[in-house]
Amino acid sequence: LDYIKADGNVIFTIEKQDFGLTLFGRRN
């Protein structure tokens, strides 16, 4: 929760998968 509230500028890495998508949301 500390990281989520402190950093609203999420950087995304997204990996296309056979089943759909894996979404990586990066915060400090």
PDB file of all heavy atoms in Angstrom:
ATOM      1  N   LEU A   1       0.825  -1.207   0.000  1.00  0.00           N
ATOM      2  CA  LEU A   1       0.000   0.000   0.000  1.00  0.00           C
ATOM      3  C   LEU A   1       0.858   1.255   0.000  1.00  0.00           C
ATOM      4  O   LEU A   1       0.491   2.271  -0.602  1.00  0.00           O
ATOM      5  CB  LEU A   1      -0.945   0.004   1.197  1.00  0.00           C
ATOM      6  CG  LEU A   1      -1.920  -1.174   1.293  1.00  0.00           C
ATOM      7  CD1 LEU A   1      -2.829  -0.999   2.492  1.00  0.00           C
ATOM      8  CD2 LEU A   1      -2.731  -1.317   0.011  1.00  0.00           C
ATOM      9  N   ASP A   2       1.997   1.218   0.669  1.00  0.00           N
ATOM     10  CA  ASP A   2       2.891   2.376   0.683  1.00  0.00           C
ATOM     11  C   ASP A   2       3.359   2.707  -0.729  1.00  0.00           C
ATOM     12  O   ASP A   2       3.395   3.883  -1.125  1.00  0.00           O
ATOM     13  CB  ASP A   2       4.103   2.111   1.578  1.00  0.00           C
ATOM     14  CG  ASP A   2       3.734   1.936   3.040  1.00  0.00           C
ATOM     15  OD1 ASP A   2       2.646   2.399   3.445  1.00  0.00           O
ATOM     16  OD2 ASP A   2       4.532   1.324   3.785  1.00  0.00           O
ATOM     17  N   TYR A   3       3.717   1.692  -1.495  1.00  0.00           N
ATOM     18  CA  TYR A   3       4.216   1.917  -2.845  1.00  0.00           C
ATOM     19  C   TYR A   3       3.094   2.402  -3.775  1.00  0.00           C
ATOM     20  O   TYR A   3       3.304   3.289  -4.611  1.00  0.00           O
ATOM     21  CB  TYR A   3       4.823   0.638  -3.401  1.00  0.00           C
ATOM     22  CG  TYR A   3       5.847  -0.009  -2.488  1.00  0.00           C
ATOM     23  CD1 TYR A   3       5.790  -1.373  -2.216  1.00  0.00           C
ATOM     24  CD2 TYR A   3       6.854   0.736  -1.897  1.00  0.00           C
ATOM     25  CE1 TYR A   3       6.720  -1.977  -1.389  1.00  0.00           C
ATOM     26  CE2 TYR A   3       7.794   0.148  -1.057  1.00  0.00           C
ATOM     27  CZ  TYR A   3       7.720  -1.209  -0.805  1.00  0.00           C
ATOM     28  OH  TYR A   3       8.635  -1.807   0.030  1.00  0.00           O
ATOM     29  N   ILE A   4       1.902   1.821  -3.617  1.00  0.00           N
ATOM     30  CA  ILE A   4       0.773   2.184  -4.468  1.00  0.00           C
ATOM     31  C   ILE A   4       0.366   3.634  -4.260  1.00  0.00           C
ATOM     32  O   ILE A   4       0.127   4.384  -5.205  1.00  0.00           O
ATOM     33  CB  ILE A   4      -0.413   1.236  -4.213  1.00  0.00           C
ATOM     34  CG1 ILE A   4      -0.099  -0.160  -4.764  1.00  0.00           C
ATOM     35  CG2 ILE A   4      -1.700   1.773  -4.833  1.00  0.00           C
ATOM     36  CD1 ILE A   4      -1.110  -1.216  -4.379  1.00  0.00           C
ATOM     37  N   LYS A   5       0.308   4.060  -3.006  1.00  0.00           N
ATOM     38  CA  LYS A   5      -0.122   5.424  -2.714  1.00  0.00           C
ATOM     39  C   LYS A   5       0.950   6.456  -3.034  1.00  0.00           C
ATOM     40  O   LYS A   5       0.656   7.595  -3.365  1.00  0.00           O
ATOM     41  CB  LYS A   5      -0.551   5.526  -1.239  1.00  0.00           C
ATOM     42  CG  LYS A   5      -1.860   4.806  -0.973  1.00  0.00           C
ATOM     43  CD  LYS A   5      -2.428   5.145   0.378  1.00  0.00           C
ATOM     44  CE  LYS A   5      -2.000   4.341   1.438  1.00  0.00           C
ATOM     45  NZ  LYS A   5      -2.682   4.561   2.747  1.00  0.00           N
ATOM     46  N   ALA A   6       2.201   6.049  -2.951  1.00  0.00           N
ATOM     47  CA  ALA A   6       3.293   6.990  -3.183  1.00  0.00           C
ATOM     48  C   ALA A   6       3.568   7.240  -4.658  1.00  0.00           C
ATOM     49  O   ALA A   6       4.104   8.295  -5.024  1.00  0.00           O
ATOM     50  CB  ALA A   6       4.568   6.487  -2.504  1.00  0.00           C
ATOM     51  N   ASP A   7       3.193   6.297  -5.519  1.00  0.00           N
ATOM     52  CA  ASP A   7       3.570   6.395  -6.935  1.00  0.00           C
ATOM     53  C   ASP A   7       2.373   6.078  -7.820  1.00  0.00           C
ATOM     54  O   ASP A   7       2.011   4.926  -8.022  1.00  0.00           O
ATOM     55  CB  ASP A   7       4.730   5.438  -7.233  1.00  0.00           C
ATOM     56  CG  ASP A   7       5.318   5.627  -8.627  1.00  0.00           C
ATOM     57  OD1 ASP A   7       4.816   6.507  -9.367  1.00  0.00           O
ATOM     58  OD2 ASP A   7       6.275   4.909  -8.973  1.00  0.00           O
ATOM     59  N   GLY A   8       1.752   7.122  -8.353  1.00  0.00           N
ATOM     60  CA  GLY A   8       0.637   6.946  -9.272  1.00  0.00           C
ATOM     61  C   GLY A   8       1.050   6.914 -10.731  1.00  0.00           C
ATOM     62  O   GLY A   8       0.216   6.704 -11.619  1.00  0.00           O
ATOM     63  N   ASN A   9       2.340   7.115 -10.993  1.00  0.00           N
ATOM     64  CA  ASN A   9       2.853   7.117 -12.363  1.00  0.00           C
ATOM     65  C   ASN A   9       3.316   5.703 -12.725  1.00  0.00           C
ATOM     66  O   ASN A   9       4.504   5.401 -12.716  1.00  0.00           O
ATOM     67  CB  ASN A   9       3.995   8.124 -12.501  1.00  0.00           C
ATOM     68  CG  ASN A   9       4.498   8.235 -13.930  1.00  0.00           C
ATOM     69  OD1 ASN A   9       3.766   7.966 -14.883  1.00  0.00           O
ATOM     70  ND2 ASN A   9       5.755   8.620 -14.078  1.00  0.00           N
ATOM     71  N   VAL A  10       2.409   4.837 -13.049  1.00  0.00           N
ATOM     72  CA  VAL A  10       2.711   3.431 -13.287  1.00  0.00           C
ATOM     73  C   VAL A  10       3.350   3.254 -14.660  1.00  0.00           C
ATOM     74  O   VAL A  10       2.863   3.787 -15.661  1.00  0.00           O
ATOM     75  CB  VAL A  10       1.438   2.566 -13.202  1.00  0.00           C
ATOM     76  CG1 VAL A  10       1.789   1.093 -13.322  1.00  0.00           C
ATOM     77  CG2 VAL A  10       0.715   2.827 -11.887  1.00  0.00           C
ATOM     78  N   ILE A  11       4.453   2.506 -14.688  1.00  0.00           N
ATOM     79  CA  ILE A  11       5.130   2.164 -15.935  1.00  0.00           C
ATOM     80  C   ILE A  11       4.765   0.722 -16.283  1.00  0.00           C
ATOM     81  O   ILE A  11       4.948  -0.185 -15.472  1.00  0.00           O
ATOM     82  CB  ILE A  11       6.661   2.315 -15.811  1.00  0.00           C
ATOM     83  CG1 ILE A  11       7.026   3.713 -15.298  1.00  0.00           C
ATOM     84  CG2 ILE A  11       7.322   2.009 -17.146  1.00  0.00           C
ATOM     85  CD1 ILE A  11       6.590   4.844 -16.187  1.00  0.00           C
ATOM     86  N   PHE A  12       4.281   0.506 -17.510  1.00  0.00           N
ATOM     87  CA  PHE A  12       3.792  -0.807 -17.888  1.00  0.00           C
ATOM     88  C   PHE A  12       4.776  -1.571 -18.756  1.00  0.00           C
ATOM     89  O   PHE A  12       5.409  -1.011 -19.650  1.00  0.00           O
ATOM     90  CB  PHE A  12       2.474  -0.695 -18.664  1.00  0.00           C
ATOM     91  CG  PHE A  12       1.263  -0.552 -17.788  1.00  0.00           C
ATOM     92  CD1 PHE A  12       0.640   0.670 -17.652  1.00  0.00           C
ATOM     93  CD2 PHE A  12       0.755  -1.639 -17.112  1.00  0.00           C
ATOM     94  CE1 PHE A  12      -0.474   0.812 -16.846  1.00  0.00           C
ATOM     95  CE2 PHE A  12      -0.353  -1.510 -16.304  1.00  0.00           C
ATOM     96  CZ  PHE A  12      -0.979  -0.282 -16.169  1.00  0.00           C
ATOM     97  N   THR A  13       4.877  -2.852 -18.455  1.00  0.00           N
ATOM     98  CA  THR A  13       5.455  -3.837 -19.356  1.00  0.00           C
ATOM     99  C   THR A  13       4.382  -4.891 -19.580  1.00  0.00           C
ATOM    100  O   THR A  13       3.805  -5.384 -18.609  1.00  0.00           O
ATOM    101  CB  THR A  13       6.715  -4.483 -18.761  1.00  0.00           C
ATOM    102  OG1 THR A  13       7.711  -3.483 -18.553  1.00  0.00           O
ATOM    103  CG2 THR A  13       7.260  -5.560 -19.688  1.00  0.00           C
ATOM    104  N   ILE A  14       4.093  -5.196 -20.823  1.00  0.00           N
ATOM    105  CA  ILE A  14       2.983  -6.104 -21.118  1.00  0.00           C
ATOM    106  C   ILE A  14       3.481  -7.233 -22.003  1.00  0.00           C
ATOM    107  O   ILE A  14       4.111  -7.004 -23.029  1.00  0.00           O
ATOM    108  CB  ILE A  14       1.817  -5.360 -21.806  1.00  0.00           C
ATOM    109  CG1 ILE A  14       1.384  -4.179 -20.940  1.00  0.00           C
ATOM    110  CG2 ILE A  14       0.638  -6.305 -22.037  1.00  0.00           C
ATOM    111  CD1 ILE A  14       0.397  -3.289 -21.582  1.00  0.00           C
ATOM    112  N   GLU A  15       3.212  -8.443 -21.597  1.00  0.00           N
ATOM    113  CA  GLU A  15       3.649  -9.634 -22.322  1.00  0.00           C
ATOM    114  C   GLU A  15       2.432 -10.354 -22.901  1.00  0.00           C
ATOM    115  O   GLU A  15       1.512 -10.748 -22.177  1.00  0.00           O
ATOM    116  CB  GLU A  15       4.412 -10.562 -21.380  1.00  0.00           C
ATOM    117  CG  GLU A  15       5.065 -11.762 -22.050  1.00  0.00           C
ATOM    118  CD  GLU A  15       6.340 -11.433 -22.792  1.00  0.00           C
ATOM    119  OE1 GLU A  15       6.738 -10.226 -22.799  1.00  0.00           O
ATOM    120  OE2 GLU A  15       6.951 -12.371 -23.345  1.00  0.00           O
ATOM    121  N   LYS A  16       2.407 -10.483 -24.205  1.00  0.00           N
ATOM    122  CA  LYS A  16       1.347 -11.229 -24.863  1.00  0.00           C
ATOM    123  C   LYS A  16       1.557 -12.715 -24.627  1.00  0.00           C
ATOM    124  O   LYS A  16       2.659 -13.231 -24.761  1.00  0.00           O
ATOM    125  CB  LYS A  16       1.343 -10.924 -26.357  1.00  0.00           C
ATOM    126  CG  LYS A  16       0.121 -11.410 -27.108  1.00  0.00           C
ATOM    127  CD  LYS A  16       0.147 -10.910 -28.538  1.00  0.00           C
ATOM    128  CE  LYS A  16      -1.064 -11.402 -29.306  1.00  0.00           C
ATOM    129  NZ  LYS A  16      -1.032 -10.907 -30.728  1.00  0.00           N
ATOM    130  N   GLN A  17       0.479 -13.422 -24.253  1.00  0.00           N
ATOM    131  CA  GLN A  17       0.556 -14.839 -23.921  1.00  0.00           C
ATOM    132  C   GLN A  17      -0.454 -15.633 -24.754  1.00  0.00           C
ATOM    133  O   GLN A  17      -1.392 -15.068 -25.328  1.00  0.00           O
ATOM    134  CB  GLN A  17       0.229 -15.056 -22.432  1.00  0.00           C
ATOM    135  CG  GLN A  17       1.017 -14.190 -21.476  1.00  0.00           C
ATOM    136  CD  GLN A  17       2.390 -14.713 -21.188  1.00  0.00           C
ATOM    137  OE1 GLN A  17       2.866 -15.655 -21.826  1.00  0.00           O
ATOM    138  NE2 GLN A  17       3.064 -14.147 -20.212  1.00  0.00           N
ATOM    139  N   ASP A  18      -0.269 -16.949 -24.789  1.00  0.00           N
ATOM    140  CA  ASP A  18      -1.243 -17.795 -25.469  1.00  0.00           C
ATOM    141  C   ASP A  18      -2.625 -17.674 -24.830  1.00  0.00           C
ATOM    142  O   ASP A  18      -3.643 -17.798 -25.499  1.00  0.00           O
ATOM    143  CB  ASP A  18      -0.788 -19.255 -25.440  1.00  0.00           C
ATOM    144  CG  ASP A  18       0.420 -19.518 -26.306  1.00  0.00           C
ATOM    145  OD1 ASP A  18       0.709 -18.693 -27.203  1.00  0.00           O
ATOM    146  OD2 ASP A  18       1.101 -20.541 -26.077  1.00  0.00           O
ATOM    147  N   PHE A  19      -2.639 -17.422 -23.509  1.00  0.00           N
ATOM    148  CA  PHE A  19      -3.914 -17.340 -22.801  1.00  0.00           C
ATOM    149  C   PHE A  19      -4.505 -15.933 -22.786  1.00  0.00           C
ATOM    150  O   PHE A  19      -5.654 -15.743 -22.411  1.00  0.00           O
ATOM    151  CB  PHE A  19      -3.774 -17.834 -21.361  1.00  0.00           C
ATOM    152  CG  PHE A  19      -2.762 -17.061 -20.531  1.00  0.00           C
ATOM    153  CD1 PHE A  19      -3.048 -15.811 -20.011  1.00  0.00           C
ATOM    154  CD2 PHE A  19      -1.527 -17.622 -20.261  1.00  0.00           C
ATOM    155  CE1 PHE A  19      -2.120 -15.116 -19.241  1.00  0.00           C
ATOM    156  CE2 PHE A  19      -0.589 -16.931 -19.496  1.00  0.00           C
ATOM    157  CZ  PHE A  19      -0.891 -15.675 -18.982  1.00  0.00           C
ATOM    158  N   GLY A  20      -3.702 -14.909 -23.118  1.00  0.00           N
ATOM    159  CA  GLY A  20      -4.164 -13.530 -23.060  1.00  0.00           C
ATOM    160  C   GLY A  20      -3.012 -12.573 -22.860  1.00  0.00           C
ATOM    161  O   GLY A  20      -2.129 -12.458 -23.706  1.00  0.00           O
ATOM    162  N   LEU A  21      -2.967 -11.908 -21.689  1.00  0.00           N
ATOM    163  CA  LEU A  21      -1.927 -10.937 -21.398  1.00  0.00           C
ATOM    164  C   LEU A  21      -1.455 -11.078 -19.955  1.00  0.00           C
ATOM    165  O   LEU A  21      -2.258 -11.347 -19.055  1.00  0.00           O
ATOM    166  CB  LEU A  21      -2.444  -9.505 -21.576  1.00  0.00           C
ATOM    167  CG  LEU A  21      -2.804  -9.017 -22.976  1.00  0.00           C
ATOM    168  CD1 LEU A  21      -3.463  -7.641 -22.885  1.00  0.00           C
ATOM    169  CD2 LEU A  21      -1.587  -8.977 -23.877  1.00  0.00           C
ATOM    170  N   THR A  22      -0.161 -10.878 -19.752  1.00  0.00           N
ATOM    171  CA  THR A  22       0.393 -10.655 -18.421  1.00  0.00           C
ATOM    172  C   THR A  22       0.783  -9.189 -18.337  1.00  0.00           C
ATOM    173  O   THR A  22       1.548  -8.695 -19.160  1.00  0.00           O
ATOM    174  CB  THR A  22       1.610 -11.552 -18.140  1.00  0.00           C
ATOM    175  OG1 THR A  22       1.231 -12.924 -18.280  1.00  0.00           O
ATOM    176  CG2 THR A  22       2.111 -11.325 -16.722  1.00  0.00           C
ATOM    177  N   LEU A  23       0.259  -8.498 -17.336  1.00  0.00           N
ATOM    178  CA  LEU A  23       0.446  -7.061 -17.191  1.00  0.00           C
ATOM    179  C   LEU A  23       1.349  -6.784 -15.998  1.00  0.00           C
ATOM    180  O   LEU A  23       1.039  -7.187 -14.864  1.00  0.00           O
ATOM    181  CB  LEU A  23      -0.895  -6.359 -16.965  1.00  0.00           C
ATOM    182  CG  LEU A  23      -1.882  -6.249 -18.096  1.00  0.00           C
ATOM    183  CD1 LEU A  23      -2.309  -7.566 -18.676  1.00  0.00           C
ATOM    184  CD2 LEU A  23      -3.134  -5.562 -17.573  1.00  0.00           C
ATOM    185  N   PHE A  24       2.445  -6.118 -16.247  1.00  0.00           N
ATOM    186  CA  PHE A  24       3.398  -5.755 -15.208  1.00  0.00           C
ATOM    187  C   PHE A  24       3.298  -4.250 -14.972  1.00  0.00           C
ATOM    188  O   PHE A  24       3.677  -3.452 -15.832  1.00  0.00           O
ATOM    189  CB  PHE A  24       4.820  -6.122 -15.631  1.00  0.00           C
ATOM    190  CG  PHE A  24       5.022  -7.568 -15.972  1.00  0.00           C
ATOM    191  CD1 PHE A  24       4.734  -8.052 -17.243  1.00  0.00           C
ATOM    192  CD2 PHE A  24       5.512  -8.460 -15.029  1.00  0.00           C
ATOM    193  CE1 PHE A  24       4.931  -9.383 -17.567  1.00  0.00           C
ATOM    194  CE2 PHE A  24       5.717  -9.796 -15.334  1.00  0.00           C
ATOM    195  CZ  PHE A  24       5.421 -10.256 -16.609  1.00  0.00           C
ATOM    196  N   GLY A  25       2.771  -3.865 -13.830  1.00  0.00           N
ATOM    197  CA  GLY A  25       2.691  -2.456 -13.470  1.00  0.00           C
ATOM    198  C   GLY A  25       3.795  -2.103 -12.495  1.00  0.00           C
ATOM    199  O   GLY A  25       3.822  -2.611 -11.372  1.00  0.00           O
ATOM    200  N   ARG A  26       4.712  -1.222 -12.929  1.00  0.00           N
ATOM    201  CA  ARG A  26       5.892  -0.905 -12.118  1.00  0.00           C
ATOM    202  C   ARG A  26       5.714   0.407 -11.363  1.00  0.00           C
ATOM    203  O   ARG A  26       5.373   1.440 -11.929  1.00  0.00           O
ATOM    204  CB  ARG A  26       7.132  -0.803 -13.007  1.00  0.00           C
ATOM    205  CG  ARG A  26       8.449  -0.773 -12.235  1.00  0.00           C
ATOM    206  CD  ARG A  26       9.588  -0.384 -13.152  1.00  0.00           C
ATOM    207  NE  ARG A  26       9.664   1.061 -13.321  1.00  0.00           N
ATOM    208  CZ  ARG A  26      10.512   1.656 -14.174  1.00  0.00           C
ATOM    209  NH1 ARG A  26      11.313   0.928 -14.928  1.00  0.00           N
ATOM    210  NH2 ARG A  26      10.525   2.981 -14.263  1.00  0.00           N
ATOM    211  N   ARG A  27       5.953   0.337 -10.052  1.00  0.00           N
ATOM    212  CA  ARG A  27       6.012   1.512  -9.205  1.00  0.00           C
ATOM    213  C   ARG A  27       7.340   1.520  -8.466  1.00  0.00           C
ATOM    214  O   ARG A  27       7.978   0.469  -8.298  1.00  0.00           O
ATOM    215  CB  ARG A  27       4.852   1.515  -8.195  1.00  0.00           C
ATOM    216  CG  ARG A  27       3.462   1.716  -8.809  1.00  0.00           C
ATOM    217  CD  ARG A  27       2.396   1.529  -7.747  1.00  0.00           C
ATOM    218  NE  ARG A  27       1.063   1.937  -8.189  1.00  0.00           N
ATOM    219  CZ  ARG A  27       0.226   1.154  -8.849  1.00  0.00           C
ATOM    220  NH1 ARG A  27       0.590  -0.095  -9.169  1.00  0.00           N
ATOM    221  NH2 ARG A  27      -0.972   1.601  -9.206  1.00  0.00           N
ATOM    222  N   ASN A  28       7.763   2.674  -8.014  1.00  0.00           N
ATOM    223  CA  ASN A  28       8.966   2.749  -7.190  1.00  0.00           C
ATOM    224  C   ASN A  28       8.746   1.978  -5.897  1.00  0.00           C
ATOM    225  O   ASN A  28       7.699   2.101  -5.258  1.00  0.00           O
ATOM    226  CB  ASN A  28       9.323   4.196  -6.884  1.00  0.00           C
ATOM    227  CG  ASN A  28       9.846   4.925  -8.101  1.00  0.00           C
ATOM    228  OD1 ASN A  28      10.679   4.408  -8.843  1.00  0.00           O
ATOM    229  ND2 ASN A  28       9.335   6.143  -8.325  1.00  0.00           N
TER     230      ASN A  28
END
